[in-house]
Amino acid sequence: MILETKRPSLSNLETRLNQVKYWMTDLDQTSWDRSGTFSSVNPTLPWLFLDLSLRQDVALGVCTSRSPKSVAKIEQDMITIGIGGFTRDQHPIFSGPSIYSDGHQIGVPNGSGVSFEILTSPEALKEMGRLKDDIKSRWQIAGDSKLRAGKYGFIEGLSAPIQVADEDIKETGVFKIMVKGPLANIDYPDYQTTLTHMIKIAEETGIRHIGFMLTANGDIIAVEKFADGHLRSKRDGLLVLEKRGLINLSKIGYFGDAENDLEIALEIKSNGGLIFTVANGIPELKEIADYVTPQPESTGVAHILRWA
């Protein structure tokens, strides 16, 4: 990829990079590669993350669709396989203000680590529980041994195998359904068909406080829907952190790659923060980014953080 000439070089951003006090990164297909295994992550990135997390002048957090439990597993992989000599209990990598479950949960630094708080309303949580029970009652385990081993099954009206997330809704703030299919291709027909079917089921059961979004991984997430019709997003989590004085939007350096990063990126950029996207980022993010890395995923993030 060739960077557009209208974009400043990274060296010309050095002054603004020095002003960043809060680094926030998306994970899947950004700083955590699409294979979901540590072996594919740029080997320098855990060290760069560790360096940031140990510094007193900056904070490192995540902004992700994943739950804190899922992020903790990634942290532990980075520490035990990539860094060594640490445990997550001794030193969490992502110890700064953070956003989980696409804005339905936040992480707040507490001196010794991070405290987690669900933002989803009780009404939405109740409806998510109802919907999960409804879908599980329709779900049948797959006959194919490989699908069955992956805990995939089927519901009537859909040809795509799906997996209903085991995570407790009250611990994540969302309800997730995984669809069997290719990563990083949200236009895959089975993803779109399953999304439409879930919306239909919700309408049939009188769901009013939740809507649905499709992640870059093909996961369908039931999310809170506000009275004005908009769905809770990463931006909503960010604004909660800002309102509580936990973060300054003008001093954020944000990494993202997908559609669910666009709204929060626009909010940060409009308030003077820095936006970075990787080579595999969507065109809309590349258009507003202060810098687009020539490399994809974790190698692109490492390229930036060497300057941090």
C-alpha atoms as a PDB file:
ATOM      1  CA  MET A   1       0.000   0.000   0.000  1.00  0.00           C
ATOM      2  CA  ILE A   2       1.194   3.536  -0.790  1.00  0.00           C
ATOM      3  CA  LEU A   3       0.219   6.237   1.669  1.00  0.00           C
ATOM      4  CA  GLU A   4      -1.700   9.133   0.174  1.00  0.00           C
ATOM      5  CA  THR A   5       0.504  12.175  -0.311  1.00  0.00           C
ATOM      6  CA  LYS A   6      -1.957  14.416   1.531  1.00  0.00           C
ATOM      7  CA  ARG A   7      -1.241  12.559   4.772  1.00  0.00           C
ATOM      8  CA  PRO A   8       1.581  13.775   7.001  1.00  0.00           C
ATOM      9  CA  SER A   9       4.557  11.498   7.461  1.00  0.00           C
ATOM     10  CA  LEU A  10       4.834   9.821  10.832  1.00  0.00           C
ATOM     11  CA  SER A  11       7.880  11.933  11.672  1.00  0.00           C
ATOM     12  CA  ASN A  12       5.768  15.055  11.161  1.00  0.00           C
ATOM     13  CA  LEU A  13       3.304  13.693  13.722  1.00  0.00           C
ATOM     14  CA  GLU A  14       5.989  13.336  16.382  1.00  0.00           C
ATOM     15  CA  THR A  15       4.907  16.438  18.315  1.00  0.00           C
ATOM     16  CA  ARG A  16       1.300  15.275  18.447  1.00  0.00           C
ATOM     17  CA  LEU A  17       2.370  11.739  19.342  1.00  0.00           C
ATOM     18  CA  ASN A  18       4.176  13.150  22.356  1.00  0.00           C
ATOM     19  CA  GLN A  19       0.904  14.755  23.447  1.00  0.00           C
ATOM     20  CA  VAL A  20      -0.961  11.435  23.550  1.00  0.00           C
ATOM     21  CA  LYS A  21      -1.756  10.435  27.130  1.00  0.00           C
ATOM     22  CA  TYR A  22      -4.285   7.682  26.434  1.00  0.00           C
ATOM     23  CA  TRP A  23      -3.598   4.963  23.885  1.00  0.00           C
ATOM     24  CA  MET A  24      -6.671   2.909  22.964  1.00  0.00           C
ATOM     25  CA  THR A  25      -6.632  -0.012  20.566  1.00  0.00           C
ATOM     26  CA  ASP A  26      -9.170  -2.253  18.961  1.00  0.00           C
ATOM     27  CA  LEU A  27      -8.100  -5.904  19.015  1.00  0.00           C
ATOM     28  CA  ASP A  28      -9.463  -8.165  16.279  1.00  0.00           C
ATOM     29  CA  GLN A  29      -7.805  -7.432  12.938  1.00  0.00           C
ATOM     30  CA  THR A  30      -6.051  -4.432  14.481  1.00  0.00           C
ATOM     31  CA  SER A  31      -3.566  -5.252  17.242  1.00  0.00           C
ATOM     32  CA  TRP A  32      -4.662  -8.894  17.470  1.00  0.00           C
ATOM     33  CA  ASP A  33      -4.452 -10.747  14.180  1.00  0.00           C
ATOM     34  CA  ARG A  34      -7.425 -12.433  12.564  1.00  0.00           C
ATOM     35  CA  SER A  35      -6.212 -15.970  13.272  1.00  0.00           C
ATOM     36  CA  GLY A  36      -6.841 -15.372  16.975  1.00  0.00           C
ATOM     37  CA  THR A  37      -3.553 -17.007  17.946  1.00  0.00           C
ATOM     38  CA  PHE A  38      -0.491 -15.362  19.406  1.00  0.00           C
ATOM     39  CA  SER A  39       1.790 -16.975  16.817  1.00  0.00           C
ATOM     40  CA  SER A  40       0.576 -14.551  14.154  1.00  0.00           C
ATOM     41  CA  VAL A  41       1.078 -11.383  16.222  1.00  0.00           C
ATOM     42  CA  ASN A  42       4.084  -9.182  15.518  1.00  0.00           C
ATOM     43  CA  PRO A  43       6.626 -10.304  18.149  1.00  0.00           C
ATOM     44  CA  THR A  44       7.605  -6.751  19.102  1.00  0.00           C
ATOM     45  CA  LEU A  45       4.059  -5.635  19.899  1.00  0.00           C
ATOM     46  CA  PRO A  46       3.759  -7.229  23.379  1.00  0.00           C
ATOM     47  CA  TRP A  47       7.003  -5.510  24.383  1.00  0.00           C
ATOM     48  CA  LEU A  48       5.744  -2.174  23.076  1.00  0.00           C
ATOM     49  CA  PHE A  49       2.469  -2.662  24.956  1.00  0.00           C
ATOM     50  CA  LEU A  50       4.365  -3.566  28.115  1.00  0.00           C
ATOM     51  CA  ASP A  51       6.541  -0.479  27.808  1.00  0.00           C
ATOM     52  CA  LEU A  52       3.470   1.745  27.547  1.00  0.00           C
ATOM     53  CA  SER A  53       1.714   0.032  30.437  1.00  0.00           C
ATOM     54  CA  LEU A  54       4.734   0.538  32.717  1.00  0.00           C
ATOM     55  CA  ARG A  55       5.076   4.236  31.972  1.00  0.00           C
ATOM     56  CA  GLN A  56       3.643   6.813  34.349  1.00  0.00           C
ATOM     57  CA  ASP A  57       2.944   9.489  31.733  1.00  0.00           C
ATOM     58  CA  VAL A  58       0.581   7.491  29.489  1.00  0.00           C
ATOM     59  CA  ALA A  59      -2.182   4.895  29.821  1.00  0.00           C
ATOM     60  CA  LEU A  60      -2.918   1.923  27.561  1.00  0.00           C
ATOM     61  CA  GLY A  61      -6.446   0.603  27.165  1.00  0.00           C
ATOM     62  CA  VAL A  62      -8.569  -1.376  24.728  1.00  0.00           C
ATOM     63  CA  CYS A  63     -11.720  -0.529  22.814  1.00  0.00           C
ATOM     64  CA  THR A  64     -13.150  -3.811  21.632  1.00  0.00           C
ATOM     65  CA  SER A  65     -16.148  -6.042  21.004  1.00  0.00           C
ATOM     66  CA  ARG A  66     -14.585  -8.581  23.350  1.00  0.00           C
ATOM     67  CA  SER A  67     -15.455  -9.043  27.012  1.00  0.00           C
ATOM     68  CA  PRO A  68     -12.925  -8.378  29.802  1.00  0.00           C
ATOM     69  CA  LYS A  69     -12.549 -12.139  30.281  1.00  0.00           C
ATOM     70  CA  SER A  70     -11.652 -12.598  26.618  1.00  0.00           C
ATOM     71  CA  VAL A  71      -9.205  -9.686  26.720  1.00  0.00           C
ATOM     72  CA  ALA A  72      -7.583 -11.118  29.854  1.00  0.00           C
ATOM     73  CA  LYS A  73      -6.861 -14.313  27.915  1.00  0.00           C
ATOM     74  CA  ILE A  74      -5.135 -12.285  25.193  1.00  0.00           C
ATOM     75  CA  GLU A  75      -3.126 -10.399  27.812  1.00  0.00           C
ATOM     76  CA  GLN A  76      -2.009 -13.636  29.402  1.00  0.00           C
ATOM     77  CA  ASP A  77      -0.974 -15.040  26.030  1.00  0.00           C
ATOM     78  CA  MET A  78       1.052 -11.920  25.316  1.00  0.00           C
ATOM     79  CA  ILE A  79       2.711 -12.043  28.715  1.00  0.00           C
ATOM     80  CA  THR A  80       3.492 -15.746  29.033  1.00  0.00           C
ATOM     81  CA  ILE A  81       4.393 -16.458  25.418  1.00  0.00           C
ATOM     82  CA  GLY A  82       5.682 -13.132  24.181  1.00  0.00           C
ATOM     83  CA  ILE A  83       7.227 -11.410  27.174  1.00  0.00           C
ATOM     84  CA  GLY A  84       7.819 -13.873  29.991  1.00  0.00           C
ATOM     85  CA  GLY A  85       8.697 -13.044  33.566  1.00  0.00           C
ATOM     86  CA  PHE A  86       5.316 -11.447  34.278  1.00  0.00           C
ATOM     87  CA  THR A  87       1.833 -12.606  35.116  1.00  0.00           C
ATOM     88  CA  ARG A  88      -1.322 -10.685  34.389  1.00  0.00           C
ATOM     89  CA  ASP A  89      -2.070 -10.484  38.116  1.00  0.00           C
ATOM     90  CA  GLN A  90       1.262  -8.783  38.671  1.00  0.00           C
ATOM     91  CA  HIS A  91       0.822  -6.375  35.825  1.00  0.00           C
ATOM     92  CA  PRO A  92      -2.172  -6.130  33.451  1.00  0.00           C
ATOM     93  CA  ILE A  93      -1.126  -4.950  30.002  1.00  0.00           C
ATOM     94  CA  PHE A  94      -4.305  -2.962  29.349  1.00  0.00           C
ATOM     95  CA  SER A  95      -4.571  -1.058  32.620  1.00  0.00           C
ATOM     96  CA  GLY A  96      -5.836   2.265  31.246  1.00  0.00           C
ATOM     97  CA  PRO A  97      -9.435   3.407  30.683  1.00  0.00           C
ATOM     98  CA  SER A  98     -11.019   0.811  28.410  1.00  0.00           C
ATOM     99  CA  ILE A  99     -14.201  -0.005  26.517  1.00  0.00           C
ATOM    100  CA  TYR A 100     -15.487  -3.566  26.176  1.00  0.00           C
ATOM    101  CA  SER A 101     -18.418  -5.308  24.501  1.00  0.00           C
ATOM    102  CA  ASP A 102     -18.812  -2.467  21.988  1.00  0.00           C
ATOM    103  CA  GLY A 103     -19.530   0.178  24.604  1.00  0.00           C
ATOM    104  CA  HIS A 104     -21.671  -1.926  26.942  1.00  0.00           C
ATOM    105  CA  GLN A 105     -18.922  -2.203  29.533  1.00  0.00           C
ATOM    106  CA  ILE A 106     -16.065   0.026  30.641  1.00  0.00           C
ATOM    107  CA  GLY A 107     -12.823  -0.605  32.472  1.00  0.00           C
ATOM    108  CA  VAL A 108     -11.792   1.953  35.078  1.00  0.00           C
ATOM    109  CA  PRO A 109      -8.252   2.030  36.536  1.00  0.00           C
ATOM    110  CA  ASN A 110      -8.341   1.538  40.304  1.00  0.00           C
ATOM    111  CA  GLY A 111      -4.679   1.758  41.285  1.00  0.00           C
ATOM    112  CA  SER A 112      -3.979  -1.964  41.361  1.00  0.00           C
ATOM    113  CA  GLY A 113      -5.699  -2.920  38.134  1.00  0.00           C
ATOM    114  CA  VAL A 114      -9.011  -2.273  36.408  1.00  0.00           C
ATOM    115  CA  SER A 115     -12.591  -2.367  37.696  1.00  0.00           C
ATOM    116  CA  PHE A 116     -15.319  -3.306  35.230  1.00  0.00           C
ATOM    117  CA  GLU A 117     -18.766  -1.766  34.999  1.00  0.00           C
ATOM    118  CA  ILE A 118     -21.755  -2.795  32.876  1.00  0.00           C
ATOM    119  CA  LEU A 119     -23.483   0.152  31.184  1.00  0.00           C
ATOM    120  CA  THR A 120     -26.367  -1.807  29.633  1.00  0.00           C
ATOM    121  CA  SER A 121     -29.751  -0.874  31.099  1.00  0.00           C
ATOM    122  CA  PRO A 122     -31.693  -3.438  33.183  1.00  0.00           C
ATOM    123  CA  GLU A 123     -34.471  -3.419  30.557  1.00  0.00           C
ATOM    124  CA  ALA A 124     -32.063  -4.319  27.756  1.00  0.00           C
ATOM    125  CA  LEU A 125     -30.354  -6.993  29.863  1.00  0.00           C
ATOM    126  CA  LYS A 126     -33.717  -8.574  30.615  1.00  0.00           C
ATOM    127  CA  GLU A 127     -34.669  -8.657  26.939  1.00  0.00           C
ATOM    128  CA  MET A 128     -31.283 -10.122  25.998  1.00  0.00           C
ATOM    129  CA  GLY A 129     -31.897 -12.912  28.481  1.00  0.00           C
ATOM    130  CA  ARG A 130     -35.319 -13.589  26.975  1.00  0.00           C
ATOM    131  CA  LEU A 131     -33.901 -13.612  23.470  1.00  0.00           C
ATOM    132  CA  LYS A 132     -31.056 -15.927  24.427  1.00  0.00           C
ATOM    133  CA  ASP A 133     -33.485 -18.381  26.009  1.00  0.00           C
ATOM    134  CA  ASP A 134     -35.716 -18.223  22.920  1.00  0.00           C
ATOM    135  CA  ILE A 135     -32.851 -18.904  20.505  1.00  0.00           C
ATOM    136  CA  LYS A 136     -31.438 -21.702  22.653  1.00  0.00           C
ATOM    137  CA  SER A 137     -34.874 -23.349  22.702  1.00  0.00           C
ATOM    138  CA  ARG A 138     -34.834 -23.380  18.880  1.00  0.00           C
ATOM    139  CA  TRP A 139     -31.202 -24.493  18.597  1.00  0.00           C
ATOM    140  CA  GLN A 140     -30.194 -28.087  17.820  1.00  0.00           C
ATOM    141  CA  ILE A 141     -26.646 -29.447  18.074  1.00  0.00           C
ATOM    142  CA  ALA A 142     -25.039 -30.178  14.699  1.00  0.00           C
ATOM    143  CA  GLY A 143     -24.773 -33.759  13.510  1.00  0.00           C
ATOM    144  CA  ASP A 144     -21.399 -33.183  11.866  1.00  0.00           C
ATOM    145  CA  SER A 145     -18.643 -34.159  14.314  1.00  0.00           C
ATOM    146  CA  LYS A 146     -16.418 -31.164  13.528  1.00  0.00           C
ATOM    147  CA  LEU A 147     -19.257 -28.696  13.955  1.00  0.00           C
ATOM    148  CA  ARG A 148     -20.394 -30.463  17.098  1.00  0.00           C
ATOM    149  CA  ALA A 149     -16.872 -30.265  18.530  1.00  0.00           C
ATOM    150  CA  GLY A 150     -16.958 -26.518  17.946  1.00  0.00           C
ATOM    151  CA  LYS A 151     -20.346 -26.318  19.712  1.00  0.00           C
ATOM    152  CA  TYR A 152     -22.123 -25.314  16.515  1.00  0.00           C
ATOM    153  CA  GLY A 153     -25.707 -26.155  15.727  1.00  0.00           C
ATOM    154  CA  PHE A 154     -28.700 -25.001  13.720  1.00  0.00           C
ATOM    155  CA  ILE A 155     -32.025 -23.267  14.165  1.00  0.00           C
ATOM    156  CA  GLU A 156     -34.987 -23.688  11.863  1.00  0.00           C
ATOM    157  CA  GLY A 157     -34.981 -21.309   8.927  1.00  0.00           C
ATOM    158  CA  LEU A 158     -31.192 -20.952   8.770  1.00  0.00           C
ATOM    159  CA  SER A 159     -28.655 -23.019   6.850  1.00  0.00           C
ATOM    160  CA  ALA A 160     -25.632 -21.467   8.586  1.00  0.00           C
ATOM    161  CA  PRO A 161     -24.241 -23.199  11.684  1.00  0.00           C
ATOM    162  CA  ILE A 162     -24.344 -20.939  14.734  1.00  0.00           C
ATOM    163  CA  GLN A 163     -22.919 -21.029  18.230  1.00  0.00           C
ATOM    164  CA  VAL A 164     -24.660 -19.332  21.139  1.00  0.00           C
ATOM    165  CA  ALA A 165     -22.099 -17.646  23.385  1.00  0.00           C
ATOM    166  CA  ASP A 166     -21.706 -19.174  26.833  1.00  0.00           C
ATOM    167  CA  GLU A 167     -20.740 -15.854  28.415  1.00  0.00           C
ATOM    168  CA  ASP A 168     -23.091 -14.533  31.079  1.00  0.00           C
ATOM    169  CA  ILE A 169     -25.058 -11.570  29.741  1.00  0.00           C
ATOM    170  CA  LYS A 170     -24.897  -9.884  33.151  1.00  0.00           C
ATOM    171  CA  GLU A 171     -21.092 -10.070  33.000  1.00  0.00           C
ATOM    172  CA  THR A 172     -20.682  -8.807  29.428  1.00  0.00           C
ATOM    173  CA  GLY A 173     -23.687  -6.552  28.845  1.00  0.00           C
ATOM    174  CA  VAL A 174     -24.377  -8.141  25.453  1.00  0.00           C
ATOM    175  CA  PHE A 175     -25.602 -11.388  23.920  1.00  0.00           C
ATOM    176  CA  LYS A 176     -23.449 -12.845  21.149  1.00  0.00           C
ATOM    177  CA  ILE A 177     -24.074 -15.401  18.414  1.00  0.00           C
ATOM    178  CA  MET A 178     -21.149 -16.755  16.404  1.00  0.00           C
ATOM    179  CA  VAL A 179     -21.819 -17.743  12.791  1.00  0.00           C
ATOM    180  CA  LYS A 180     -19.588 -20.267  11.036  1.00  0.00           C
ATOM    181  CA  GLY A 181     -17.896 -18.502   8.145  1.00  0.00           C
ATOM    182  CA  PRO A 182     -14.831 -16.599   6.903  1.00  0.00           C
ATOM    183  CA  LEU A 183     -13.207 -13.925   9.043  1.00  0.00           C
ATOM    184  CA  ALA A 184     -13.105 -10.268   8.022  1.00  0.00           C
ATOM    185  CA  ASN A 185     -15.875 -10.569   5.436  1.00  0.00           C
ATOM    186  CA  ILE A 186     -19.079  -9.091   6.807  1.00  0.00           C
ATOM    187  CA  ASP A 187     -20.653  -9.311   3.343  1.00  0.00           C
ATOM    188  CA  TYR A 188     -20.607 -13.111   3.549  1.00  0.00           C
ATOM    189  CA  PRO A 189     -24.232 -14.119   2.745  1.00  0.00           C
ATOM    190  CA  ASP A 190     -24.684 -16.401   5.771  1.00  0.00           C
ATOM    191  CA  TYR A 191     -23.769 -13.550   8.123  1.00  0.00           C
ATOM    192  CA  GLN A 192     -26.309 -11.227   6.568  1.00  0.00           C
ATOM    193  CA  THR A 193     -29.023 -13.902   6.425  1.00  0.00           C
ATOM    194  CA  THR A 194     -28.493 -14.818  10.078  1.00  0.00           C
ATOM    195  CA  LEU A 195     -28.589 -11.157  11.093  1.00  0.00           C
ATOM    196  CA  THR A 196     -31.911 -10.695   9.285  1.00  0.00           C
ATOM    197  CA  HIS A 197     -33.291 -13.834  10.927  1.00  0.00           C
ATOM    198  CA  MET A 198     -32.301 -12.669  14.409  1.00  0.00           C
ATOM    199  CA  ILE A 199     -34.039  -9.346  13.824  1.00  0.00           C
ATOM    200  CA  LYS A 200     -37.165 -11.246  12.777  1.00  0.00           C
ATOM    201  CA  ILE A 201     -37.085 -13.410  15.917  1.00  0.00           C
ATOM    202  CA  ALA A 202     -36.682 -10.300  18.077  1.00  0.00           C
ATOM    203  CA  GLU A 203     -39.659  -8.632  16.416  1.00  0.00           C
ATOM    204  CA  GLU A 204     -41.795 -11.739  16.870  1.00  0.00           C
ATOM    205  CA  THR A 205     -41.011 -11.869  20.586  1.00  0.00           C
ATOM    206  CA  GLY A 206     -41.746  -8.182  21.217  1.00  0.00           C
ATOM    207  CA  ILE A 207     -38.163  -7.083  21.843  1.00  0.00           C
ATOM    208  CA  ARG A 208     -37.985  -3.271  22.096  1.00  0.00           C
ATOM    209  CA  HIS A 209     -34.792  -2.349  23.931  1.00  0.00           C
ATOM    210  CA  ILE A 210     -32.205  -4.186  21.845  1.00  0.00           C
ATOM    211  CA  GLY A 211     -30.945  -4.189  18.275  1.00  0.00           C
ATOM    212  CA  PHE A 212     -28.231  -6.090  16.433  1.00  0.00           C
ATOM    213  CA  MET A 213     -24.817  -5.426  14.966  1.00  0.00           C
ATOM    214  CA  LEU A 214     -22.438  -7.532  12.903  1.00  0.00           C
ATOM    215  CA  THR A 215     -18.750  -7.545  13.829  1.00  0.00           C
ATOM    216  CA  ALA A 216     -15.805  -7.937  11.476  1.00  0.00           C
ATOM    217  CA  ASN A 217     -15.504 -11.548  12.677  1.00  0.00           C
ATOM    218  CA  GLY A 218     -19.039 -12.370  11.611  1.00  0.00           C
ATOM    219  CA  ASP A 219     -20.347 -12.402  15.174  1.00  0.00           C
ATOM    220  CA  ILE A 220     -23.869 -11.085  15.651  1.00  0.00           C
ATOM    221  CA  ILE A 221     -24.234  -9.102  18.848  1.00  0.00           C
ATOM    222  CA  ALA A 222     -27.501  -8.130  20.499  1.00  0.00           C
ATOM    223  CA  VAL A 223     -26.881  -4.593  21.758  1.00  0.00           C
ATOM    224  CA  GLU A 224     -28.861  -2.012  23.669  1.00  0.00           C
ATOM    225  CA  LYS A 225     -31.153   0.228  21.615  1.00  0.00           C
ATOM    226  CA  PHE A 226     -31.916   3.682  22.993  1.00  0.00           C
ATOM    227  CA  ALA A 227     -35.244   5.503  22.809  1.00  0.00           C
ATOM    228  CA  ASP A 228     -34.009   7.579  19.860  1.00  0.00           C
ATOM    229  CA  GLY A 229     -33.261   4.379  17.934  1.00  0.00           C
ATOM    230  CA  HIS A 230     -29.478   4.451  18.015  1.00  0.00           C
ATOM    231  CA  LEU A 231     -27.582   1.388  19.178  1.00  0.00           C
ATOM    232  CA  ARG A 232     -25.120   1.539  22.057  1.00  0.00           C
ATOM    233  CA  SER A 233     -21.616   1.672  20.626  1.00  0.00           C
ATOM    234  CA  LYS A 234     -17.983   2.206  21.494  1.00  0.00           C
ATOM    235  CA  ARG A 235     -18.611   5.950  21.309  1.00  0.00           C
ATOM    236  CA  ASP A 236     -21.165   5.735  24.124  1.00  0.00           C
ATOM    237  CA  GLY A 237     -18.593   4.030  26.340  1.00  0.00           C
ATOM    238  CA  LEU A 238     -16.046   6.698  25.464  1.00  0.00           C
ATOM    239  CA  LEU A 239     -18.418   9.507  26.415  1.00  0.00           C
ATOM    240  CA  VAL A 240     -19.061   7.888  29.800  1.00  0.00           C
ATOM    241  CA  LEU A 241     -15.314   7.778  30.459  1.00  0.00           C
ATOM    242  CA  GLU A 242     -15.000  11.407  29.400  1.00  0.00           C
ATOM    243  CA  LYS A 243     -17.948  12.558  31.518  1.00  0.00           C
ATOM    244  CA  ARG A 244     -16.365  10.970  34.581  1.00  0.00           C
ATOM    245  CA  GLY A 245     -13.088  12.757  33.923  1.00  0.00           C
ATOM    246  CA  LEU A 246     -11.236   9.518  33.233  1.00  0.00           C
ATOM    247  CA  ILE A 247     -10.091  10.453  29.749  1.00  0.00           C
ATOM    248  CA  ASN A 248      -9.351  13.557  27.671  1.00  0.00           C
ATOM    249  CA  LEU A 249     -10.481  13.133  24.068  1.00  0.00           C
ATOM    250  CA  SER A 250      -7.873  15.555  22.731  1.00  0.00           C
ATOM    251  CA  LYS A 251      -5.086  13.395  24.154  1.00  0.00           C
ATOM    252  CA  ILE A 252      -6.171  10.006  22.775  1.00  0.00           C
ATOM    253  CA  GLY A 253      -4.288   7.982  20.193  1.00  0.00           C
ATOM    254  CA  TYR A 254      -6.780   5.488  18.756  1.00  0.00           C
ATOM    255  CA  PHE A 255      -6.227   2.381  16.613  1.00  0.00           C
ATOM    256  CA  GLY A 256      -9.124   0.849  14.685  1.00  0.00           C
ATOM    257  CA  ASP A 257      -9.891  -1.021  11.500  1.00  0.00           C
ATOM    258  CA  ALA A 258     -13.613  -1.722  11.157  1.00  0.00           C
ATOM    259  CA  GLU A 259     -17.030  -0.150  10.840  1.00  0.00           C
ATOM    260  CA  ASN A 260     -17.648  -0.232  14.586  1.00  0.00           C
ATOM    261  CA  ASP A 261     -14.546   1.960  15.035  1.00  0.00           C
ATOM    262  CA  LEU A 262     -15.787   4.705  12.729  1.00  0.00           C
ATOM    263  CA  GLU A 263     -18.187   6.524  15.060  1.00  0.00           C
ATOM    264  CA  ILE A 264     -15.764   6.634  17.980  1.00  0.00           C
ATOM    265  CA  ALA A 265     -12.914   7.647  15.671  1.00  0.00           C
ATOM    266  CA  LEU A 266     -14.930  10.600  14.381  1.00  0.00           C
ATOM    267  CA  GLU A 267     -15.704  11.667  17.962  1.00  0.00           C
ATOM    268  CA  ILE A 268     -12.047  11.514  18.970  1.00  0.00           C
ATOM    269  CA  LYS A 269     -10.822  13.270  15.843  1.00  0.00           C
ATOM    270  CA  SER A 270     -13.379  16.079  16.151  1.00  0.00           C
ATOM    271  CA  ASN A 271     -12.043  16.725  19.655  1.00  0.00           C
ATOM    272  CA  GLY A 272      -8.403  16.871  18.612  1.00  0.00           C
ATOM    273  CA  GLY A 273      -7.292  13.282  19.202  1.00  0.00           C
ATOM    274  CA  LEU A 274      -5.197  11.188  16.814  1.00  0.00           C
ATOM    275  CA  ILE A 275      -6.660   8.405  14.673  1.00  0.00           C
ATOM    276  CA  PHE A 276      -4.622   5.568  13.204  1.00  0.00           C
ATOM    277  CA  THR A 277      -5.766   2.700  11.058  1.00  0.00           C
ATOM    278  CA  VAL A 278      -3.913  -0.277   9.689  1.00  0.00           C
ATOM    279  CA  ALA A 279      -3.478  -1.281   6.054  1.00  0.00           C
ATOM    280  CA  ASN A 280      -6.440  -3.665   6.300  1.00  0.00           C
ATOM    281  CA  GLY A 281      -8.725  -0.943   7.711  1.00  0.00           C
ATOM    282  CA  ILE A 282     -11.964  -0.007   5.977  1.00  0.00           C
ATOM    283  CA  PRO A 283     -11.835   2.862   3.432  1.00  0.00           C
ATOM    284  CA  GLU A 284     -13.988   5.142   5.609  1.00  0.00           C
ATOM    285  CA  LEU A 285     -11.448   4.961   8.444  1.00  0.00           C
ATOM    286  CA  LYS A 286      -8.533   5.485   6.091  1.00  0.00           C
ATOM    287  CA  GLU A 287     -10.238   8.627   4.842  1.00  0.00           C
ATOM    288  CA  ILE A 288     -10.320  10.268   8.282  1.00  0.00           C
ATOM    289  CA  ALA A 289      -7.169   8.759   9.799  1.00  0.00           C
ATOM    290  CA  ASP A 290      -4.209  10.955  10.650  1.00  0.00           C
ATOM    291  CA  TYR A 291      -2.005   8.094   9.526  1.00  0.00           C
ATOM    292  CA  VAL A 292      -2.548   4.792   7.704  1.00  0.00           C
ATOM    293  CA  THR A 293       0.129   2.208   8.365  1.00  0.00           C
ATOM    294  CA  PRO A 294       1.710   0.509   5.369  1.00  0.00           C
ATOM    295  CA  GLN A 295       1.455  -2.810   7.239  1.00  0.00           C
ATOM    296  CA  PRO A 296      -1.687  -4.690   8.332  1.00  0.00           C
ATOM    297  CA  GLU A 297      -2.890  -5.657  11.794  1.00  0.00           C
ATOM    298  CA  SER A 298      -0.390  -5.989  14.665  1.00  0.00           C
ATOM    299  CA  THR A 299       2.621  -5.096  12.517  1.00  0.00           C
ATOM    300  CA  GLY A 300       0.940  -1.808  11.644  1.00  0.00           C
ATOM    301  CA  VAL A 301       0.215  -1.030  15.303  1.00  0.00           C
ATOM    302  CA  ALA A 302       3.813  -1.849  16.236  1.00  0.00           C
ATOM    303  CA  HIS A 303       4.984   0.517  13.479  1.00  0.00           C
ATOM    304  CA  ILE A 304       3.192   3.400  15.235  1.00  0.00           C
ATOM    305  CA  LEU A 305       4.026   2.511  18.828  1.00  0.00           C
ATOM    306  CA  ARG A 306       7.750   2.555  18.137  1.00  0.00           C
ATOM    307  CA  TRP A 307       7.281   6.325  17.984  1.00  0.00           C
ATOM    308  CA  ALA A 308       5.092   6.598  21.095  1.00  0.00           C
END
